[in-house]
C-alpha atoms as a PDB file:
ATOM      1  CA  MET A   1      -0.006  -0.017   0.027  1.00  0.00           C
ATOM      2  CA  GLY A   2       2.908   2.311   0.896  1.00  0.00           C
ATOM      3  CA  GLU A   3       4.580   1.803  -2.454  1.00  0.00           C
ATOM      4  CA  MET A   4       1.271   2.397  -4.285  1.00  0.00           C
ATOM      5  CA  MET A   5       0.867   5.784  -2.534  1.00  0.00           C
ATOM      6  CA  VAL A   6       4.402   6.648  -3.605  1.00  0.00           C
ATOM      7  CA  TYR A   7       3.655   5.783  -7.229  1.00  0.00           C
ATOM      8  CA  ILE A   8       0.449   7.817  -7.039  1.00  0.00           C
ATOM      9  CA  LEU A   9       2.240  10.825  -5.638  1.00  0.00           C
ATOM     10  CA  ILE A  10       4.970  10.566  -8.177  1.00  0.00           C
ATOM     11  CA  THR A  11       2.395  10.332 -10.999  1.00  0.00           C
ATOM     12  CA  ILE A  12       0.546  13.398  -9.690  1.00  0.00           C
ATOM     13  CA  VAL A  13       3.805  15.426  -9.408  1.00  0.00           C
ATOM     14  CA  VAL A  14       4.837  14.414 -12.968  1.00  0.00           C
ATOM     15  CA  MET A  15       1.477  15.170 -14.401  1.00  0.00           C
ATOM     16  CA  ALA A  16       1.352  18.600 -12.588  1.00  0.00           C
ATOM     17  CA  ALA A  17       4.881  19.366 -13.954  1.00  0.00           C
ATOM     18  CA  ILE A  18       3.802  18.342 -17.515  1.00  0.00           C
ATOM     19  CA  VAL A  19       0.713  20.565 -17.258  1.00  0.00           C
ATOM     20  CA  GLY A  20       2.726  23.420 -15.853  1.00  0.00           C
ATOM     21  CA  ILE A  21       5.428  23.229 -18.579  1.00  0.00           C
ATOM     22  CA  GLY A  22       2.633  22.979 -21.182  1.00  0.00           C
ATOM     23  CA  TYR A  23       0.845  26.079 -19.783  1.00  0.00           C
ATOM     24  CA  TRP A  24       4.123  27.949 -19.602  1.00  0.00           C
ATOM     25  CA  ARG A  25       5.004  27.137 -23.201  1.00  0.00           C
ATOM     26  CA  MET A  26       1.425  27.952 -24.389  1.00  0.00           C
ATOM     27  CA  SER A  27       1.543  31.282 -22.463  1.00  0.00           C
ATOM     28  CA  THR A  28       5.000  32.169 -23.891  1.00  0.00           C
ATOM     29  CA  PHE A  29       3.906  31.258 -27.434  1.00  0.00           C
ATOM     30  CA  SER A  30       0.762  33.303 -27.111  1.00  0.00           C
ATOM     31  CA  ARG A  31       2.775  36.424 -25.933  1.00  0.00           C
ATOM     32  CA  GLU A  32       5.024  35.929 -28.991  1.00  0.00           C
ATOM     33  CA  LEU A  33       1.995  35.873 -31.269  1.00  0.00           C
ATOM     34  CA  LEU A  34       0.568  38.918 -29.546  1.00  0.00           C
ATOM     35  CA  ASN A  35       3.887  40.772 -30.097  1.00  0.00           C
ATOM     36  CA  GLN A  36       3.936  39.730 -33.694  1.00  0.00           C
ATOM     37  CA  GLY A  37       0.432  41.137 -34.104  1.00  0.00           C
ATOM     38  CA  MET A  38       1.399  44.409 -32.406  1.00  0.00           C
ATOM     39  CA  ASN A  39       4.278  44.786 -34.870  1.00  0.00           C
ATOM     40  CA  ALA A  40       2.331  43.845 -37.909  1.00  0.00           C
ATOM     41  CA  GLU A  41       1.448  46.771 -40.249  1.00  0.00           C
ATOM     42  CA  ASP A  42      -0.972  44.829 -42.478  1.00  0.00           C
ATOM     43  CA  ALA A  43      -4.517  44.724 -40.947  1.00  0.00           C
ATOM     44  CA  GLU A  44      -5.207  41.135 -41.833  1.00  0.00           C
ATOM     45  CA  GLU A  45      -1.858  39.980 -40.506  1.00  0.00           C
ATOM     46  CA  ARG A  46      -2.461  41.892 -37.322  1.00  0.00           C
ATOM     47  CA  ARG A  47      -5.893  40.282 -36.830  1.00  0.00           C
ATOM     48  CA  LYS A  48      -4.514  36.884 -37.643  1.00  0.00           C
ATOM     49  CA  TYR A  49      -1.852  36.970 -34.948  1.00  0.00           C
ATOM     50  CA  PHE A  50      -4.207  38.449 -32.410  1.00  0.00           C
ATOM     51  CA  ARG A  51      -6.733  35.647 -33.155  1.00  0.00           C
ATOM     52  CA  LYS A  52      -4.165  32.906 -32.778  1.00  0.00           C
ATOM     53  CA  ALA A  53      -2.942  34.363 -29.446  1.00  0.00           C
ATOM     54  CA  ALA A  54      -6.514  34.816 -28.252  1.00  0.00           C
ATOM     55  CA  LEU A  55      -7.392  31.205 -29.040  1.00  0.00           C
ATOM     56  CA  LEU A  56      -4.527  30.217 -26.757  1.00  0.00           C
ATOM     57  CA  GLY A  57      -6.319  32.121 -23.935  1.00  0.00           C
ATOM     58  CA  ASN A  58      -4.170  35.292 -23.855  1.00  0.00           C
ATOM     59  CA  LYS A  59      -6.502  37.925 -22.298  1.00  0.00           C
ATOM     60  CA  GLU A  60      -4.728  40.878 -23.832  1.00  0.00           C
ATOM     61  CA  ALA A  61      -4.918  39.223 -27.229  1.00  0.00           C
ATOM     62  CA  ILE A  62      -8.711  38.736 -26.731  1.00  0.00           C
ATOM     63  CA  LEU A  63      -8.985  42.475 -26.054  1.00  0.00           C
ATOM     64  CA  ALA A  64      -6.758  43.287 -29.037  1.00  0.00           C
ATOM     65  CA  TYR A  65      -8.726  40.998 -31.394  1.00  0.00           C
ATOM     66  CA  ALA A  66     -11.995  42.576 -30.117  1.00  0.00           C
ATOM     67  CA  CYS A  67     -10.658  46.067 -30.949  1.00  0.00           C
ATOM     68  CA  THR A  68      -9.706  45.110 -34.473  1.00  0.00           C
ATOM     69  CA  ASN A  69     -13.063  43.380 -35.021  1.00  0.00           C
ATOM     70  CA  PRO A  70     -15.418  45.679 -33.007  1.00  0.00           C
ATOM     71  CA  ASP A  71     -18.530  44.778 -35.047  1.00  0.00           C
ATOM     72  CA  MET A  72     -18.257  41.270 -33.665  1.00  0.00           C
ATOM     73  CA  PHE A  73     -18.373  42.363 -30.035  1.00  0.00           C
ATOM     74  CA  ALA A  74     -20.562  45.542 -30.100  1.00  0.00           C
ATOM     75  CA  LYS A  75     -23.275  47.168 -32.083  1.00  0.00           C
ATOM     76  CA  PRO A  76     -22.094  47.068 -35.707  1.00  0.00           C
ATOM     77  CA  ARG A  77     -21.328  50.239 -37.650  1.00  0.00           C
ATOM     78  CA  MET A  78     -23.718  51.542 -40.341  1.00  0.00           C
ATOM     79  CA  LEU A  79     -26.447  49.255 -39.116  1.00  0.00           C
ATOM     80  CA  PRO A  80     -29.565  50.820 -37.464  1.00  0.00           C
ATOM     81  CA  PHE A  81     -30.297  50.004 -33.875  1.00  0.00           C
ATOM     82  CA  ASP A  82     -33.227  51.032 -31.718  1.00  0.00           C
ATOM     83  CA  TYR A  83     -32.713  53.556 -28.944  1.00  0.00           C
ATOM     84  CA  TYR A  84     -35.536  53.464 -26.312  1.00  0.00           C
ATOM     85  CA  ILE A  85     -36.829  56.319 -24.219  1.00  0.00           C
ATOM     86  CA  GLY A  86     -39.644  54.816 -22.238  1.00  0.00           C
ATOM     87  CA  LEU A  87     -42.025  53.231 -24.584  1.00  0.00           C
ATOM     88  CA  HIS A  88     -40.841  55.443 -27.486  1.00  0.00           C
ATOM     89  CA  HIS A  89     -37.941  54.411 -29.583  1.00  0.00           C
ATOM     90  CA  PHE A  90     -36.197  55.554 -32.731  1.00  0.00           C
ATOM     91  CA  PRO A  91     -33.355  54.242 -34.930  1.00  0.00           C
ATOM     92  CA  CYS A  92     -29.748  55.280 -34.517  1.00  0.00           C
ATOM     93  CA  VAL A  93     -26.698  54.832 -36.750  1.00  0.00           C
ATOM     94  CA  PHE A  94     -23.034  55.518 -36.323  1.00  0.00           C
ATOM     95  CA  ALA A  95     -20.346  55.582 -38.984  1.00  0.00           C
ATOM     96  CA  ASP A  96     -17.578  53.745 -37.082  1.00  0.00           C
ATOM     97  CA  HIS A  97     -16.202  52.909 -33.604  1.00  0.00           C
ATOM     98  CA  TYR A  98     -14.421  55.366 -31.290  1.00  0.00           C
ATOM     99  CA  PHE A  99     -11.696  53.903 -29.125  1.00  0.00           C
ATOM    100  CA  ALA A 100     -10.402  55.244 -25.789  1.00  0.00           C
ATOM    101  CA  LYS A 101      -6.712  56.130 -25.766  1.00  0.00           C
ATOM    102  CA  GLY A 102      -5.752  52.935 -23.906  1.00  0.00           C
ATOM    103  CA  LEU A 103      -7.120  50.837 -26.736  1.00  0.00           C
ATOM    104  CA  THR A 104      -5.661  52.691 -29.723  1.00  0.00           C
ATOM    105  CA  ARG A 105      -2.505  50.700 -29.531  1.00  0.00           C
ATOM    106  CA  TYR A 106      -4.409  47.651 -30.839  1.00  0.00           C
ATOM    107  CA  ILE A 107      -6.340  49.100 -33.716  1.00  0.00           C
ATOM    108  CA  VAL A 108      -5.373  48.842 -37.403  1.00  0.00           C
ATOM    109  CA  ASN A 109      -4.339  51.771 -39.706  1.00  0.00           C
ATOM    110  CA  GLU A 110      -7.817  52.170 -41.157  1.00  0.00           C
ATOM    111  CA  GLN A 111      -9.268  52.576 -37.701  1.00  0.00           C
ATOM    112  CA  LYS A 112      -6.492  54.979 -36.812  1.00  0.00           C
ATOM    113  CA  ALA A 113      -7.291  57.108 -39.833  1.00  0.00           C
ATOM    114  CA  PHE A 114     -10.951  57.258 -38.745  1.00  0.00           C
ATOM    115  CA  MET A 115     -10.003  58.214 -35.215  1.00  0.00           C
ATOM    116  CA  LYS A 116      -7.957  61.062 -36.608  1.00  0.00           C
ATOM    117  CA  ARG A 117     -11.013  62.324 -38.458  1.00  0.00           C
ATOM    118  CA  VAL A 118     -13.004  62.177 -35.192  1.00  0.00           C
ATOM    119  CA  TYR A 119     -10.328  64.156 -33.428  1.00  0.00           C
ATOM    120  CA  ASN A 120     -10.424  66.700 -36.275  1.00  0.00           C
ATOM    121  CA  PHE A 121     -14.173  67.017 -36.018  1.00  0.00           C
ATOM    122  CA  GLU A 122     -14.002  67.529 -32.247  1.00  0.00           C
ATOM    123  CA  GLY A 123     -11.201  70.056 -32.847  1.00  0.00           C
ATOM    124  CA  LEU A 124     -13.326  71.986 -35.465  1.00  0.00           C
ATOM    125  CA  ASP A 125     -10.855  71.083 -38.260  1.00  0.00           C
ATOM    126  CA  GLU A 126     -13.259  68.841 -40.250  1.00  0.00           C
ATOM    127  CA  ASP A 127     -17.006  68.463 -40.653  1.00  0.00           C
ATOM    128  CA  CYS A 128     -17.184  64.739 -41.504  1.00  0.00           C
ATOM    129  CA  SER A 129     -20.167  65.503 -43.808  1.00  0.00           C
ATOM    130  CA  ASP A 130     -19.484  62.361 -45.946  1.00  0.00           C
ATOM    131  CA  LEU A 131     -19.795  60.153 -42.831  1.00  0.00           C
ATOM    132  CA  ILE A 132     -22.925  61.877 -41.613  1.00  0.00           C
ATOM    133  CA  GLU A 133     -24.538  61.587 -45.073  1.00  0.00           C
ATOM    134  CA  ALA A 134     -23.589  57.909 -45.300  1.00  0.00           C
ATOM    135  CA  ALA A 135     -25.126  57.339 -41.834  1.00  0.00           C
ATOM    136  CA  ILE A 136     -28.299  59.129 -42.807  1.00  0.00           C
ATOM    137  CA  ARG A 137     -28.634  56.886 -45.875  1.00  0.00           C
ATOM    138  CA  ALA A 138     -28.023  53.781 -43.752  1.00  0.00           C
ATOM    139  CA  LEU A 139     -30.793  54.943 -41.406  1.00  0.00           C
ATOM    140  CA  GLY A 140     -33.168  54.151 -44.288  1.00  0.00           C
ATOM    141  CA  ILE A 141     -35.802  56.933 -43.604  1.00  0.00           C
ATOM    142  CA  THR A 142     -37.327  59.476 -45.998  1.00  0.00           C
ATOM    143  CA  MET A 143     -36.005  62.934 -45.036  1.00  0.00           C
ATOM    144  CA  ASP A 144     -38.940  64.880 -46.591  1.00  0.00           C
ATOM    145  CA  GLY A 145     -40.393  67.254 -43.913  1.00  0.00           C
ATOM    146  CA  ILE A 146     -37.586  66.322 -41.400  1.00  0.00           C
ATOM    147  CA  VAL A 147     -35.365  69.024 -39.934  1.00  0.00           C
ATOM    148  CA  ILE A 148     -31.846  68.201 -38.788  1.00  0.00           C
ATOM    149  CA  VAL A 149     -30.931  69.310 -35.243  1.00  0.00           C
ATOM    150  CA  PHE A 150     -27.481  69.301 -33.706  1.00  0.00           C
ATOM    151  CA  MET A 151     -26.592  68.097 -30.247  1.00  0.00           C
ATOM    152  CA  PRO A 152     -25.645  70.855 -27.743  1.00  0.00           C
ATOM    153  CA  CYS A 153     -21.983  71.840 -27.373  1.00  0.00           C
ATOM    154  CA  SER A 154     -19.990  73.507 -24.636  1.00  0.00           C
ATOM    155  CA  ASN A 155     -20.422  77.103 -25.765  1.00  0.00           C
ATOM    156  CA  PRO A 156     -22.060  79.192 -28.606  1.00  0.00           C
ATOM    157  CA  PHE A 157     -18.780  79.632 -30.471  1.00  0.00           C
ATOM    158  CA  ARG A 158     -18.004  75.918 -30.500  1.00  0.00           C
ATOM    159  CA  PHE A 159     -21.554  75.044 -31.440  1.00  0.00           C
ATOM    160  CA  THR A 160     -21.638  77.409 -34.390  1.00  0.00           C
ATOM    161  CA  ASN A 161     -18.217  76.445 -35.740  1.00  0.00           C
ATOM    162  CA  LYS A 162     -18.526  72.741 -35.013  1.00  0.00           C
ATOM    163  CA  PHE A 163     -21.688  72.343 -37.170  1.00  0.00           C
ATOM    164  CA  GLN A 164     -21.493  75.372 -39.491  1.00  0.00           C
ATOM    165  CA  HIS A 165     -19.721  73.730 -42.459  1.00  0.00           C
ATOM    166  CA  LEU A 166     -21.596  70.490 -41.885  1.00  0.00           C
ATOM    167  CA  CYS A 167     -24.897  72.359 -41.930  1.00  0.00           C
ATOM    168  CA  TRP A 168     -24.031  74.231 -45.157  1.00  0.00           C
ATOM    169  CA  LYS A 169     -23.032  70.977 -46.852  1.00  0.00           C
ATOM    170  CA  LEU A 170     -26.144  69.221 -45.775  1.00  0.00           C
ATOM    171  CA  GLN A 171     -28.291  72.167 -46.984  1.00  0.00           C
ATOM    172  CA  ARG A 172     -26.517  71.980 -50.457  1.00  0.00           C
ATOM    173  CA  LYS A 173     -27.515  68.331 -50.634  1.00  0.00           C
ATOM    174  CA  GLY A 174     -31.106  69.269 -50.077  1.00  0.00           C
ATOM    175  CA  TYR A 175     -31.454  68.595 -46.352  1.00  0.00           C
ATOM    176  CA  GLU A 176     -33.254  71.005 -44.060  1.00  0.00           C
ATOM    177  CA  ALA A 177     -30.792  72.126 -41.496  1.00  0.00           C
ATOM    178  CA  ASN A 178     -29.836  75.451 -39.831  1.00  0.00           C
ATOM    179  CA  HIS A 179     -27.065  75.561 -37.240  1.00  0.00           C
ATOM    180  CA  LEU A 180     -27.990  79.066 -36.125  1.00  0.00           C
ATOM    181  CA  THR A 181     -31.466  78.186 -34.831  1.00  0.00           C
ATOM    182  CA  TYR A 182     -30.564  75.336 -32.454  1.00  0.00           C
ATOM    183  CA  PRO A 183     -29.287  75.121 -28.896  1.00  0.00           C
ATOM    184  CA  TYR A 184     -25.985  75.128 -27.162  1.00  0.00           C
ATOM    185  CA  LEU A 185     -24.867  74.601 -23.589  1.00  0.00           C
ATOM    186  CA  SER A 186     -23.411  77.769 -21.971  1.00  0.00           C
ATOM    187  CA  VAL A 187     -21.823  75.490 -19.394  1.00  0.00           C
ATOM    188  CA  ARG A 188     -21.247  71.754 -19.695  1.00  0.00           C
ATOM    189  CA  ASP A 189     -19.482  69.578 -17.321  1.00  0.00           C
ATOM    190  CA  GLN A 190     -16.780  67.390 -18.978  1.00  0.00           C
ATOM    191  CA  LYS A 191     -18.260  64.449 -16.957  1.00  0.00           C
ATOM    192  CA  SER A 192     -21.793  65.198 -18.018  1.00  0.00           C
ATOM    193  CA  GLU A 193     -22.439  61.519 -18.819  1.00  0.00           C
ATOM    194  CA  GLU A 194     -22.177  60.881 -15.085  1.00  0.00           C
ATOM    195  CA  MET A 195     -24.706  63.614 -14.178  1.00  0.00           C
ATOM    196  CA  ALA A 196     -28.448  63.094 -13.748  1.00  0.00           C
ATOM    197  CA  SER A 197     -29.959  63.156 -17.208  1.00  0.00           C
ATOM    198  CA  ASP A 198     -32.490  65.880 -16.120  1.00  0.00           C
ATOM    199  CA  SER A 199     -29.597  68.358 -15.431  1.00  0.00           C
ATOM    200  CA  LEU A 200     -27.723  67.805 -18.702  1.00  0.00           C
ATOM    201  CA  MET A 201     -29.897  70.370 -20.600  1.00  0.00           C
ATOM    202  CA  SER A 202     -30.281  72.863 -17.732  1.00  0.00           C
ATOM    203  CA  HIS A 203     -28.262  75.466 -19.629  1.00  0.00           C
ATOM    204  CA  VAL A 204     -29.829  75.027 -23.111  1.00  0.00           C
ATOM    205  CA  LYS A 205     -31.280  78.141 -24.622  1.00  0.00           C
ATOM    206  CA  ARG A 206     -34.733  78.125 -26.153  1.00  0.00           C
ATOM    207  CA  ILE A 207     -34.904  75.932 -29.218  1.00  0.00           C
ATOM    208  CA  VAL A 208     -36.585  77.636 -32.174  1.00  0.00           C
ATOM    209  CA  GLY A 209     -37.776  76.210 -35.434  1.00  0.00           C
ATOM    210  CA  VAL A 210     -38.686  72.760 -34.197  1.00  0.00           C
ATOM    211  CA  GLU A 211     -42.167  73.121 -32.823  1.00  0.00           C
ATOM    212  CA  ASN A 212     -44.398  70.307 -34.036  1.00  0.00           C
ATOM    213  CA  ARG A 213     -41.700  69.107 -36.409  1.00  0.00           C
ATOM    214  CA  LYS A 214     -40.076  65.765 -37.079  1.00  0.00           C
ATOM    215  CA  VAL A 215     -36.355  65.973 -36.305  1.00  0.00           C
ATOM    216  CA  LEU A 216     -33.186  64.015 -36.961  1.00  0.00           C
ATOM    217  CA  VAL A 217     -30.490  64.432 -34.291  1.00  0.00           C
ATOM    218  CA  VAL A 218     -26.835  64.701 -35.350  1.00  0.00           C
ATOM    219  CA  ASP A 219     -23.703  64.577 -33.191  1.00  0.00           C
ATOM    220  CA  ASP A 220     -20.091  63.416 -33.273  1.00  0.00           C
ATOM    221  CA  VAL A 221     -20.133  60.606 -30.703  1.00  0.00           C
ATOM    222  CA  ILE A 222     -22.507  58.489 -28.595  1.00  0.00           C
ATOM    223  CA  ASN A 223     -21.530  56.574 -25.559  1.00  0.00           C
ATOM    224  CA  THR A 224     -24.041  55.754 -22.808  1.00  0.00           C
ATOM    225  CA  GLY A 225     -26.805  57.765 -24.541  1.00  0.00           C
ATOM    226  CA  GLU A 226     -27.585  59.930 -21.430  1.00  0.00           C
ATOM    227  CA  THR A 227     -27.029  63.181 -23.335  1.00  0.00           C
ATOM    228  CA  LEU A 228     -29.228  61.961 -26.192  1.00  0.00           C
ATOM    229  CA  ASN A 229     -31.868  61.005 -23.691  1.00  0.00           C
ATOM    230  CA  ALA A 230     -31.773  64.418 -22.009  1.00  0.00           C
ATOM    231  CA  PHE A 231     -31.903  66.221 -25.372  1.00  0.00           C
ATOM    232  CA  ALA A 232     -34.862  64.046 -26.452  1.00  0.00           C
ATOM    233  CA  LYS A 233     -36.694  65.104 -23.317  1.00  0.00           C
ATOM    234  CA  GLU A 234     -35.878  68.764 -23.997  1.00  0.00           C
ATOM    235  CA  LEU A 235     -37.182  68.526 -27.537  1.00  0.00           C
ATOM    236  CA  LYS A 236     -40.366  66.848 -26.349  1.00  0.00           C
ATOM    237  CA  LYS A 237     -41.262  70.245 -24.741  1.00  0.00           C
ATOM    238  CA  TYR A 238     -41.729  71.534 -28.310  1.00  0.00           C
ATOM    239  CA  LYS A 239     -43.878  68.634 -29.408  1.00  0.00           C
ATOM    240  CA  THR A 240     -41.246  67.410 -31.725  1.00  0.00           C
ATOM    241  CA  LYS A 241     -40.953  63.831 -32.865  1.00  0.00           C
ATOM    242  CA  ILE A 242     -37.450  62.374 -33.132  1.00  0.00           C
ATOM    243  CA  VAL A 243     -37.393  60.071 -36.121  1.00  0.00           C
ATOM    244  CA  GLY A 244     -33.779  59.009 -35.786  1.00  0.00           C
ATOM    245  CA  ALA A 245     -30.243  60.004 -34.726  1.00  0.00           C
ATOM    246  CA  VAL A 246     -26.973  59.739 -36.506  1.00  0.00           C
ATOM    247  CA  PHE A 247     -23.395  59.966 -35.134  1.00  0.00           C
ATOM    248  CA  VAL A 248     -19.903  60.088 -36.546  1.00  0.00           C
ATOM    249  CA  SER A 249     -18.822  57.436 -33.973  1.00  0.00           C
ATOM    250  CA  LYS A 250     -19.830  55.296 -31.039  1.00  0.00           C
ATOM    251  CA  VAL A 251     -17.533  54.630 -28.084  1.00  0.00           C
ATOM    252  CA  PHE A 252     -16.404  51.000 -28.204  1.00  0.00           C
ATOM    253  CA  ASN A 253     -16.857  49.217 -24.902  1.00  0.00           C
ATOM    254  CA  PRO A 254     -14.536  46.142 -24.708  1.00  0.00           C
ATOM    255  CA  PRO A 255     -16.132  42.777 -23.787  1.00  0.00           C
ATOM    256  CA  HIS A 256     -16.396  42.392 -20.022  1.00  0.00           C
ATOM    257  CA  ASN A 257     -16.361  38.595 -19.959  1.00  0.00           C
ATOM    258  CA  PRO A 258     -13.181  37.085 -21.500  1.00  0.00           C
ATOM    259  CA  LEU A 259     -14.595  33.632 -21.533  1.00  0.00           C
ATOM    260  CA  LEU A 260     -17.621  34.639 -23.621  1.00  0.00           C
ATOM    261  CA  ALA A 261     -15.386  36.754 -25.850  1.00  0.00           C
ATOM    262  CA  TRP A 262     -13.051  33.764 -26.273  1.00  0.00           C
ATOM    263  CA  LEU A 263     -15.963  31.480 -27.250  1.00  0.00           C
ATOM    264  CA  ARG A 264     -17.120  34.050 -29.803  1.00  0.00           C
ATOM    265  CA  ILE A 265     -13.652  34.034 -31.276  1.00  0.00           C
ATOM    266  CA  VAL A 266     -13.520  30.212 -31.341  1.00  0.00           C
ATOM    267  CA  PHE A 267     -16.735  29.952 -33.301  1.00  0.00           C
ATOM    268  CA  SER A 268     -15.939  32.887 -35.663  1.00  0.00           C
ATOM    269  CA  HIS A 269     -14.411  32.247 -39.103  1.00  0.00           C
ATOM    270  CA  LYS A 270     -12.351  35.405 -39.282  1.00  0.00           C
END
C-alpha cells in the first residue's frame, strides 16, 4: 500500500509538472503571437496573430482582437439599432467605432485614420459630412419634412463652428438644417455623462424652429446615450418627434467577460 501511494504521488507530481510546462509554453507562445500582431502593419496579419494568441487564452490578445473586430463584439457600424426612451424608440446609426486612448495601440491603420477624423471633427478642423450623409442613408428613412438638429456643445462659438460647415453641406445636398437656430450649452461639465440626465440640458437656450416638427439628431459621438436621452426630453417640450439619430462614432466598450469573448472568437471564421 505504501509503495502504491508513492507511485500515485509521483504520478501526480509528474502530471502537474507536464501541465505546468505545457501552460508555460502555451503562455510564452501566445505572448510571442501577440507581439507579432502588435508589430504587424498589415491589418489582416495583425488580426490573424491576435486571433491565434486569443485562441490560446491570452486575455490581452482577446482584447486586441476585439478592438480590431469591433462589429463582432458591439453594435455594428452603419447598421440601425433602436434607442429606447420609455415606450418610445427611434433608430440610430453611427459611421464607425471610437476607441479610448488605452485601446488605440491595438487598432489597425484604417481605424487610426478614422480616429484622426473624429479628433479633427471635435477640434473643429473637419466636418465629416460624408460620414454623416452615409449614416443618414444607412438609417433608411425618408427625409422629406424632417429638420436636422445638432446636439448641444460647450459654448455658442463651439456650437456654431462645429456644425457650421456640416450644416451648409447638408443644405446643399437638399437637407433642411440650420445651425444658427438650435441650442448650445453655456456651461457643460466634462463628466456630463455621469450627471443626472435631467440636469444635462439645464443651460440649453430656447430651441426655435422645431415646434411640431419631425427631427433628426446629429452629433459626433454617442456613448451611454444619457445626453441623447436628455436632449430628447428637451425637444419633447416643443412637441417634436425624433425620427432618428446619426453619429460620426460610437464609443467601443470592450467585452467584459473574457470567456464569452473567447468563445465568440472560437466559433468565428475570421
